[in-house]
Amino acid sequence: MGNSHAAENDDSIDTFLESAVDKSYIDEILETIVPTFSQDILLYMKYSSFSKKYQDEYKMIENLYIKDIKEHQNIKYYLKKINTTKHIIYTYSNIFDQAFEYDNENKNEIKPIENKTFGPFTKVKTIYVNQYKSERTINKIIENYLINDDENLCVFHFSINDIIHLTHLNYLIANNE
């Protein structure tokens, strides 16, 4: 199923690129949607066949993404701009290794990231999905995070092998909120 789905996606991309009469049409679409891409999407594009098969388009996407690097550079910019109270972030990249400056004495506390609406973000809960063997354990962690007023940011780290659990984890979070 995976290969046929990938082939269908390649056909869709080819059809779209061939049907665009003017390259500026593609440029305009990419300029609109690329700023919304996550780093994980770019990572996938880079290491899949997409970057080889669509070299020009990939290079343009990469350049558009880098143009607004301030927004994508790290999680600090995102946290400064958000306006909701609890935050759950999923990642399988290493972007968080550089994003937070941790307190030397307490590894669950980060140096404050100031948000105009909510004040500083200082407490982070990091969950490495591959360390937990049961749904019940992860569900309990989510429940505790959502009722704990002391923590205002939760980061779920996935290895590539753990990505299959993403939909189920999203379901657990939605049902606990």
Protein backbone atom coordinates (compact mmCIF):
# COMPACT_ATOMS: atom_id res chain seq x y z
CA MET A 1 0.00 0.00 0.00
CA GLY A 2 2.82 2.41 0.85
CA ASN A 3 4.40 2.24 -2.60
CA SER A 4 1.13 2.65 -4.49
CA HIS A 5 0.21 5.61 -2.28
CA ALA A 6 3.63 7.18 -2.93
CA ALA A 7 3.19 6.58 -6.67
CA GLU A 8 -0.22 8.27 -6.56
CA ASN A 9 1.30 11.26 -4.77
CA ASP A 10 4.10 11.50 -7.35
CA ASP A 11 1.50 11.38 -10.14
CA SER A 12 -0.49 14.14 -8.42
CA ILE A 13 2.57 16.33 -8.08
CA ASP A 14 3.56 15.70 -11.70
CA THR A 15 0.03 16.50 -12.89
CA PHE A 16 -0.04 19.71 -10.87
CA LEU A 17 3.36 20.86 -12.12
CA GLU A 18 2.51 20.07 -15.75
CA SER A 19 -0.87 21.80 -15.58
CA ALA A 20 0.52 25.04 -14.20
CA VAL A 21 0.75 27.19 -17.31
CA ASP A 22 2.91 29.81 -15.70
CA LYS A 23 5.72 29.07 -13.23
CA SER A 24 4.72 32.16 -11.25
CA TYR A 25 1.48 30.33 -10.44
CA ILE A 26 3.47 27.59 -8.68
CA ASP A 27 5.68 30.21 -7.05
CA GLU A 28 2.66 32.04 -5.68
CA ILE A 29 1.16 28.86 -4.24
CA LEU A 30 4.45 27.84 -2.64
CA GLU A 31 4.98 31.32 -1.18
CA THR A 32 1.59 30.98 0.49
CA ILE A 33 1.89 27.49 1.93
CA VAL A 34 5.61 27.00 2.67
CA PRO A 35 5.66 29.32 5.72
CA THR A 36 3.15 26.97 7.36
CA PHE A 37 5.38 23.89 6.97
CA SER A 38 6.89 22.29 10.02
CA GLN A 39 10.54 21.32 10.14
CA ASP A 40 9.48 17.69 10.09
CA ILE A 41 7.89 18.15 6.65
CA LEU A 42 11.09 19.64 5.27
CA LEU A 43 13.12 16.88 6.86
CA TYR A 44 10.92 14.27 5.18
CA MET A 45 11.12 16.05 1.81
CA LYS A 46 14.89 16.28 2.04
CA TYR A 47 15.47 12.61 2.81
CA SER A 48 12.76 11.12 0.60
CA SER A 49 12.80 10.84 -3.18
CA PHE A 50 10.97 14.20 -3.45
CA SER A 51 14.15 16.30 -3.19
CA LYS A 52 15.80 14.29 -5.98
CA LYS A 53 12.83 14.01 -8.31
CA TYR A 54 11.72 17.65 -7.90
CA GLN A 55 15.06 19.36 -7.36
CA ASP A 56 13.99 22.81 -8.55
CA GLU A 57 10.78 22.81 -6.55
CA TYR A 58 12.52 21.45 -3.46
CA LYS A 59 15.21 24.14 -3.69
CA MET A 60 12.53 26.82 -3.99
CA ILE A 61 10.65 25.41 -0.97
CA GLU A 62 13.86 25.31 1.03
CA ASN A 63 14.71 28.91 0.08
CA LEU A 64 11.20 30.13 0.95
CA TYR A 65 11.38 28.36 4.29
CA ILE A 66 14.80 29.81 5.10
CA LYS A 67 13.60 33.30 4.10
CA ASP A 68 11.31 33.28 7.15
CA ILE A 69 13.88 31.51 9.31
CA LYS A 70 13.03 33.63 12.34
CA GLU A 71 9.66 31.90 12.51
CA HIS A 72 11.11 28.42 12.04
CA GLN A 73 14.45 28.78 13.74
CA ASN A 74 13.33 27.36 17.03
CA ILE A 75 10.42 26.86 19.32
CA LYS A 76 11.07 30.12 21.19
CA TYR A 77 9.46 32.22 18.47
CA TYR A 78 6.37 29.99 18.47
CA LEU A 79 6.02 30.16 22.26
CA LYS A 80 6.34 33.95 22.24
CA LYS A 81 3.42 34.24 19.77
CA ILE A 82 0.86 31.66 20.95
CA ASN A 83 -2.24 32.56 22.94
CA THR A 84 -3.53 29.29 24.43
CA THR A 85 -2.81 27.99 27.92
CA LYS A 86 -1.56 24.41 27.51
CA HIS A 87 0.81 23.30 24.77
CA ILE A 88 1.60 19.85 23.49
CA ILE A 89 4.25 19.62 20.81
CA TYR A 90 5.14 16.52 18.78
CA THR A 91 8.54 16.05 17.19
CA TYR A 92 10.89 13.40 15.94
CA SER A 93 13.63 15.81 14.96
CA ASN A 94 16.29 17.19 17.25
CA ILE A 95 15.07 20.79 17.08
CA PHE A 96 14.44 20.90 20.82
CA ASP A 97 18.02 20.13 21.72
CA GLN A 98 18.93 23.70 20.79
CA ALA A 99 15.60 25.43 21.34
CA PHE A 100 15.57 25.49 25.12
CA GLU A 101 18.18 26.69 27.53
CA TYR A 102 17.72 24.57 30.63
CA ASP A 103 18.34 25.58 34.20
CA ASN A 104 21.58 23.90 35.33
CA GLU A 105 20.05 22.65 38.58
CA ASN A 106 16.57 21.59 37.42
CA LYS A 107 16.37 19.90 34.00
CA ASN A 108 12.56 20.30 33.94
CA GLU A 109 12.91 24.07 34.10
CA ILE A 110 13.93 26.17 31.14
CA LYS A 111 15.15 29.73 31.13
CA PRO A 112 11.98 31.81 30.74
CA ILE A 113 10.50 32.41 27.29
CA GLU A 114 8.29 35.48 27.63
CA ASN A 115 4.78 35.45 26.15
CA LYS A 116 2.75 38.71 26.16
CA THR A 117 -0.50 36.90 26.98
CA PHE A 118 0.58 34.29 29.52
CA GLY A 119 3.86 35.49 30.91
CA PRO A 120 6.92 33.26 30.97
CA PHE A 121 7.12 29.62 29.95
CA THR A 122 9.50 27.98 32.39
CA LYS A 123 8.36 24.39 33.01
CA VAL A 124 8.58 21.75 30.32
CA LYS A 125 7.64 18.08 30.46
CA THR A 126 9.47 15.97 27.91
CA ILE A 127 8.09 12.54 27.05
CA TYR A 128 10.16 10.13 25.00
CA VAL A 129 7.50 7.88 23.49
CA ASN A 130 9.85 4.93 22.99
CA GLN A 131 10.43 4.71 26.77
CA TYR A 132 6.83 3.72 27.49
CA LYS A 133 5.45 0.28 26.76
CA SER A 134 1.76 0.78 27.52
CA GLU A 135 -1.04 3.07 26.43
CA ARG A 136 -2.20 3.29 30.04
CA THR A 137 1.14 4.74 31.17
CA ILE A 138 1.17 7.38 28.45
CA ASN A 139 -2.49 8.20 29.11
CA LYS A 140 -1.69 8.73 32.81
CA ILE A 141 1.19 11.06 31.89
CA ILE A 142 -1.14 13.09 29.65
CA GLU A 143 -3.78 13.28 32.38
CA ASN A 144 -1.22 14.43 34.95
CA TYR A 145 0.15 17.06 32.58
CA LEU A 146 -3.30 18.47 31.80
CA ILE A 147 -4.27 18.82 35.49
CA ASN A 148 -0.86 20.03 36.67
CA ASP A 149 -0.88 23.83 36.76
CA ASP A 150 2.86 23.82 37.36
CA GLU A 151 3.71 22.68 33.80
CA ASN A 152 2.70 24.68 30.76
CA LEU A 153 4.54 22.91 27.95
CA CYS A 154 4.70 19.23 27.01
CA VAL A 155 7.03 17.90 24.31
CA PHE A 156 6.54 14.41 22.86
CA HIS A 157 9.72 13.08 21.25
CA PHE A 158 9.28 10.30 18.71
CA SER A 159 11.86 8.12 17.07
CA ILE A 160 11.13 7.28 13.44
CA ASN A 161 9.84 3.88 14.59
CA ASP A 162 7.39 5.51 17.03
CA ILE A 163 5.60 7.62 14.42
CA ILE A 164 3.00 4.88 13.99
CA HIS A 165 1.71 5.85 17.46
CA LEU A 166 1.12 9.53 16.59
CA THR A 167 -2.55 9.20 15.63
CA HIS A 168 -3.34 7.17 18.71
CA LEU A 169 -1.47 9.62 20.95
CA ASN A 170 -3.42 12.49 19.41
CA TYR A 171 -6.63 10.57 20.21
CA LEU A 172 -5.55 10.13 23.86
CA ILE A 173 -4.80 13.84 24.21
CA ALA A 174 -8.09 14.91 22.62
CA ASN A 175 -10.06 12.62 24.94
CA ASN A 176 -8.28 13.92 28.04
CA GLU A 177 -8.73 17.63 27.32
